[in-house]
Amino acid sequence: MTTLHLRCACGEIQGKAEVPSPESGNRVVCYCKDCQAFAMQLQPEKILTPHRGTAIFQVSPSSIQWHQGVEHIRCLRLTAAGLHRWYAGCCQTPLANTLKPSFPFVGLIETAITPEDRTDKNLGPVRAHAYPQHANPRLPQDILQHNRVWPMVIRVMLKILGWKLTGKGKPNPFFDSQGRPLTQPEVIDSTR
């Protein structure tokens, strides 16, 4: 079992994610416009990679536990039906992306993982670069040539199915037992 220590930049929020191995998660970099828009609401220079991507490690909800600072967790949605995008209200550190509570999936944003735990040994290699067409500047040709998005999508769907079947969707660290978000989401643009 690998313990990934989670912490916001100021240390008010702390927790952990326990994963059996790097293979039990899925590491991606997403360049979609929504991930970029979320970063722009916070501190993009501390979140985005040099090509305007967001590094994400996808895990089951039950693998994550908060030890302190839950009262500082905030939620942003880019649309009323969009992803729940979680961040630290105390210091603007992005924490994770989730769908609805019945969907057993958490995309931990790597900036929430302590630097000493944010390694290839703990997280595995980046398996895919999602929405590479939105990278700015353009991704290097060697990354584009070896980028395999569909195998990653299939891998994620199989993991979600496995997490659903094995009950790893609960408890969910971002929703209560009735499926309500920890905090009322702020919708920043309901007309998108």
Foldseek 3Di string as FASTA:
>chain_A
DDWWWFAFPVRQKTWIFDDPFLLLKAKAKELDPVLLVLCVVFPQVLAADPQRTWIWIKHFQLRIDIDGDLVQKAWAAQAPQGWTWIAGNVHRHTAWTDHFLLQGMTTGGCNRTDPVCSDCRGNNDNQAYHPQVNGVPRDDPVRVVPGDVVVSVVSVVVSRVVCNVVVSSPPGNQADPVRHGSDDYHHPDHVD
